Amino acid sequence: MMYESWKHFASVLSNRTRFDIVTLLRREGEMSVSEICHRLGYEQSRISHNLKCLLNCGFVEVEQRGKNRIYRMSEIVSKILDDLEDYMTEYQKKLISCGILKEEDVGQKTLQKVV
């Protein structure tokens, strides 16, 4: 069960749209869907779909203000991402140059072409 939780946590951030939303909210704070769309240049349906995932997974919180839903990062997830960012800064070169991960990535791409 713990493996599945870690796998899903990583899956949330491995999606480029969700990663962009999280990065923007961490940097800018609270934002509405239209503000996020404007800043990222993505369609509203794409942003809304990915915000729903982020909300369901506990990455973001939402508050209704008049007609707008305002999104912000979950405080605990924000702290986790701060620590992960420190790790990435220190180990980025090692992560990128890891031959084992490169082999696994090539294997996955080959498998996807076969299927």
C-alpha atoms as a PDB file:
ATOM      1  CA  MET A   1       0.000   0.000   0.000  1.00  0.00           C
ATOM      2  CA  MET A   2       2.799   2.441   0.819  1.00  0.00           C
ATOM      3  CA  TYR A   3       4.424   1.820  -2.584  1.00  0.00           C
ATOM      4  CA  GLU A   4       1.161   2.674  -4.340  1.00  0.00           C
ATOM      5  CA  SER A   5       0.877   5.917  -2.360  1.00  0.00           C
ATOM      6  CA  TRP A   6       4.430   6.959  -3.296  1.00  0.00           C
ATOM      7  CA  LYS A   7       3.778   5.990  -6.910  1.00  0.00           C
ATOM      8  CA  HIS A   8       0.649   8.167  -7.063  1.00  0.00           C
ATOM      9  CA  PHE A   9       2.379  11.057  -5.284  1.00  0.00           C
ATOM     10  CA  ALA A  10       5.113  10.978  -7.939  1.00  0.00           C
ATOM     11  CA  SER A  11       2.488  10.641 -10.707  1.00  0.00           C
ATOM     12  CA  VAL A  12       0.842  13.865  -9.615  1.00  0.00           C
ATOM     13  CA  LEU A  13       4.070  15.777 -10.234  1.00  0.00           C
ATOM     14  CA  SER A  14       5.164  13.833 -13.322  1.00  0.00           C
ATOM     15  CA  ASN A  15       2.312  15.380 -15.316  1.00  0.00           C
ATOM     16  CA  ARG A  16       3.593  18.620 -16.902  1.00  0.00           C
ATOM     17  CA  THR A  17       0.352  20.580 -16.461  1.00  0.00           C
ATOM     18  CA  ARG A  18       0.031  19.685 -12.781  1.00  0.00           C
ATOM     19  CA  PHE A  19       3.725  20.408 -12.243  1.00  0.00           C
ATOM     20  CA  ASP A  20       3.263  23.843 -13.848  1.00  0.00           C
ATOM     21  CA  ILE A  21       0.204  24.596 -11.699  1.00  0.00           C
ATOM     22  CA  VAL A  22       1.979  23.539  -8.498  1.00  0.00           C
ATOM     23  CA  THR A  23       5.068  25.571  -9.409  1.00  0.00           C
ATOM     24  CA  LEU A  24       2.938  28.647 -10.129  1.00  0.00           C
ATOM     25  CA  LEU A  25       0.880  28.377  -6.934  1.00  0.00           C
ATOM     26  CA  ARG A  26       4.008  27.831  -4.828  1.00  0.00           C
ATOM     27  CA  ARG A  27       5.546  30.955  -6.319  1.00  0.00           C
ATOM     28  CA  GLU A  28       2.489  33.230  -6.517  1.00  0.00           C
ATOM     29  CA  GLY A  29       0.185  32.049  -3.737  1.00  0.00           C
ATOM     30  CA  GLU A  30      -3.572  32.115  -4.240  1.00  0.00           C
ATOM     31  CA  MET A  31      -5.073  32.230  -7.725  1.00  0.00           C
ATOM     32  CA  SER A  32      -8.349  31.637  -9.542  1.00  0.00           C
ATOM     33  CA  VAL A  33      -8.696  29.233 -12.466  1.00  0.00           C
ATOM     34  CA  SER A  34      -8.786  32.126 -14.940  1.00  0.00           C
ATOM     35  CA  GLU A  35      -5.604  33.614 -13.458  1.00  0.00           C
ATOM     36  CA  ILE A  36      -3.850  30.251 -13.697  1.00  0.00           C
ATOM     37  CA  CYS A  37      -5.025  29.822 -17.312  1.00  0.00           C
ATOM     38  CA  HIS A  38      -3.797  33.288 -18.218  1.00  0.00           C
ATOM     39  CA  ARG A  39      -0.388  32.793 -16.605  1.00  0.00           C
ATOM     40  CA  LEU A  40       0.238  29.303 -17.998  1.00  0.00           C
ATOM     41  CA  GLY A  41      -1.440  29.710 -21.378  1.00  0.00           C
ATOM     42  CA  TYR A  42      -3.478  26.509 -21.048  1.00  0.00           C
ATOM     43  CA  GLU A  43      -7.186  26.079 -21.786  1.00  0.00           C
ATOM     44  CA  GLN A  44      -9.616  26.339 -18.879  1.00  0.00           C
ATOM     45  CA  SER A  45     -10.781  22.718 -19.230  1.00  0.00           C
ATOM     46  CA  ARG A  46      -7.182  21.482 -18.985  1.00  0.00           C
ATOM     47  CA  ILE A  47      -6.505  23.573 -15.874  1.00  0.00           C
ATOM     48  CA  SER A  48      -9.794  22.612 -14.206  1.00  0.00           C
ATOM     49  CA  HIS A  49      -9.249  18.898 -14.856  1.00  0.00           C
ATOM     50  CA  ASN A  50      -5.762  18.986 -13.347  1.00  0.00           C
ATOM     51  CA  LEU A  51      -6.817  21.180 -10.412  1.00  0.00           C
ATOM     52  CA  LYS A  52      -9.448  18.558  -9.594  1.00  0.00           C
ATOM     53  CA  CYS A  53      -6.708  15.922  -9.435  1.00  0.00           C
ATOM     54  CA  LEU A  54      -4.512  18.198  -7.291  1.00  0.00           C
ATOM     55  CA  LEU A  55      -7.452  18.868  -4.972  1.00  0.00           C
ATOM     56  CA  ASN A  56      -8.415  15.175  -4.728  1.00  0.00           C
ATOM     57  CA  CYS A  57      -4.803  14.258  -3.910  1.00  0.00           C
ATOM     58  CA  GLY A  58      -4.457  16.970  -1.250  1.00  0.00           C
ATOM     59  CA  PHE A  59      -1.902  19.101  -3.082  1.00  0.00           C
ATOM     60  CA  VAL A  60      -4.131  22.174  -3.220  1.00  0.00           C
ATOM     61  CA  GLU A  61      -6.962  23.679  -1.212  1.00  0.00           C
ATOM     62  CA  VAL A  62      -9.829  25.738  -2.583  1.00  0.00           C
ATOM     63  CA  GLU A  63     -11.962  28.531  -1.187  1.00  0.00           C
ATOM     64  CA  GLN A  64     -15.103  30.005  -2.733  1.00  0.00           C
ATOM     65  CA  ARG A  65     -14.934  33.820  -2.967  1.00  0.00           C
ATOM     66  CA  GLY A  66     -18.027  35.180  -4.624  1.00  0.00           C
ATOM     67  CA  LYS A  67     -18.151  33.615  -8.088  1.00  0.00           C
ATOM     68  CA  ASN A  68     -14.501  32.567  -8.002  1.00  0.00           C
ATOM     69  CA  ARG A  69     -12.851  29.460  -6.626  1.00  0.00           C
ATOM     70  CA  ILE A  70      -9.435  30.440  -5.277  1.00  0.00           C
ATOM     71  CA  TYR A  71      -6.738  27.777  -5.170  1.00  0.00           C
ATOM     72  CA  ARG A  72      -3.645  27.661  -2.992  1.00  0.00           C
ATOM     73  CA  MET A  73      -1.058  25.054  -2.116  1.00  0.00           C
ATOM     74  CA  SER A  74      -1.633  22.796   0.853  1.00  0.00           C
ATOM     75  CA  GLU A  75       0.759  23.909   3.577  1.00  0.00           C
ATOM     76  CA  ILE A  76       2.045  20.391   4.287  1.00  0.00           C
ATOM     77  CA  VAL A  77       2.609  19.596   0.598  1.00  0.00           C
ATOM     78  CA  SER A  78       4.325  22.930   0.139  1.00  0.00           C
ATOM     79  CA  LYS A  79       6.758  22.018   2.949  1.00  0.00           C
ATOM     80  CA  ILE A  80       7.391  18.605   1.392  1.00  0.00           C
ATOM     81  CA  LEU A  81       8.087  20.211  -1.982  1.00  0.00           C
ATOM     82  CA  ASP A  82      10.457  22.717  -0.371  1.00  0.00           C
ATOM     83  CA  ASP A  83      12.465  19.798   1.027  1.00  0.00           C
ATOM     84  CA  LEU A  84      12.344  17.950  -2.294  1.00  0.00           C
ATOM     85  CA  GLU A  85      13.528  21.080  -4.089  1.00  0.00           C
ATOM     86  CA  ASP A  86      16.523  21.249  -1.729  1.00  0.00           C
ATOM     87  CA  TYR A  87      17.253  17.613  -2.583  1.00  0.00           C
ATOM     88  CA  MET A  88      16.900  18.274  -6.333  1.00  0.00           C
ATOM     89  CA  THR A  89      19.286  21.207  -6.119  1.00  0.00           C
ATOM     90  CA  GLU A  90      21.913  19.020  -4.484  1.00  0.00           C
ATOM     91  CA  TYR A  91      21.416  15.831  -6.521  1.00  0.00           C
ATOM     92  CA  GLN A  92      20.114  17.115  -9.884  1.00  0.00           C
ATOM     93  CA  LYS A  93      23.223  16.115 -11.869  1.00  0.00           C
ATOM     94  CA  LYS A  94      23.236  12.632 -10.351  1.00  0.00           C
ATOM     95  CA  LEU A  95      19.541  12.118 -11.078  1.00  0.00           C
ATOM     96  CA  ILE A  96      19.906  13.235 -14.700  1.00  0.00           C
ATOM     97  CA  SER A  97      23.029  11.165 -15.319  1.00  0.00           C
ATOM     98  CA  CYS A  98      21.835   7.955 -13.624  1.00  0.00           C
ATOM     99  CA  GLY A  99      22.364   5.240 -16.235  1.00  0.00           C
ATOM    100  CA  ILE A 100      19.884   2.874 -14.611  1.00  0.00           C
ATOM    101  CA  LEU A 101      17.071   5.444 -14.814  1.00  0.00           C
ATOM    102  CA  LYS A 102      17.996   6.184 -18.434  1.00  0.00           C
ATOM    103  CA  GLU A 103      17.814   2.481 -19.290  1.00  0.00           C
ATOM    104  CA  GLU A 104      14.424   2.172 -17.593  1.00  0.00           C
ATOM    105  CA  ASP A 105      13.153   5.227 -19.482  1.00  0.00           C
ATOM    106  CA  VAL A 106      14.318   3.800 -22.832  1.00  0.00           C
ATOM    107  CA  GLY A 107      12.730   0.461 -21.933  1.00  0.00           C
ATOM    108  CA  GLN A 108       9.406   2.138 -21.148  1.00  0.00           C
ATOM    109  CA  LYS A 109       9.456   4.080 -24.424  1.00  0.00           C
ATOM    110  CA  THR A 110      10.231   0.892 -26.362  1.00  0.00           C
ATOM    111  CA  LEU A 111       7.435  -0.954 -24.588  1.00  0.00           C
ATOM    112  CA  GLN A 112       4.973   1.858 -25.368  1.00  0.00           C
ATOM    113  CA  LYS A 113       5.845   1.645 -29.086  1.00  0.00           C
ATOM    114  CA  VAL A 114       5.253  -2.122 -29.091  1.00  0.00           C
ATOM    115  CA  VAL A 115       1.878  -1.835 -27.379  1.00  0.00           C
END
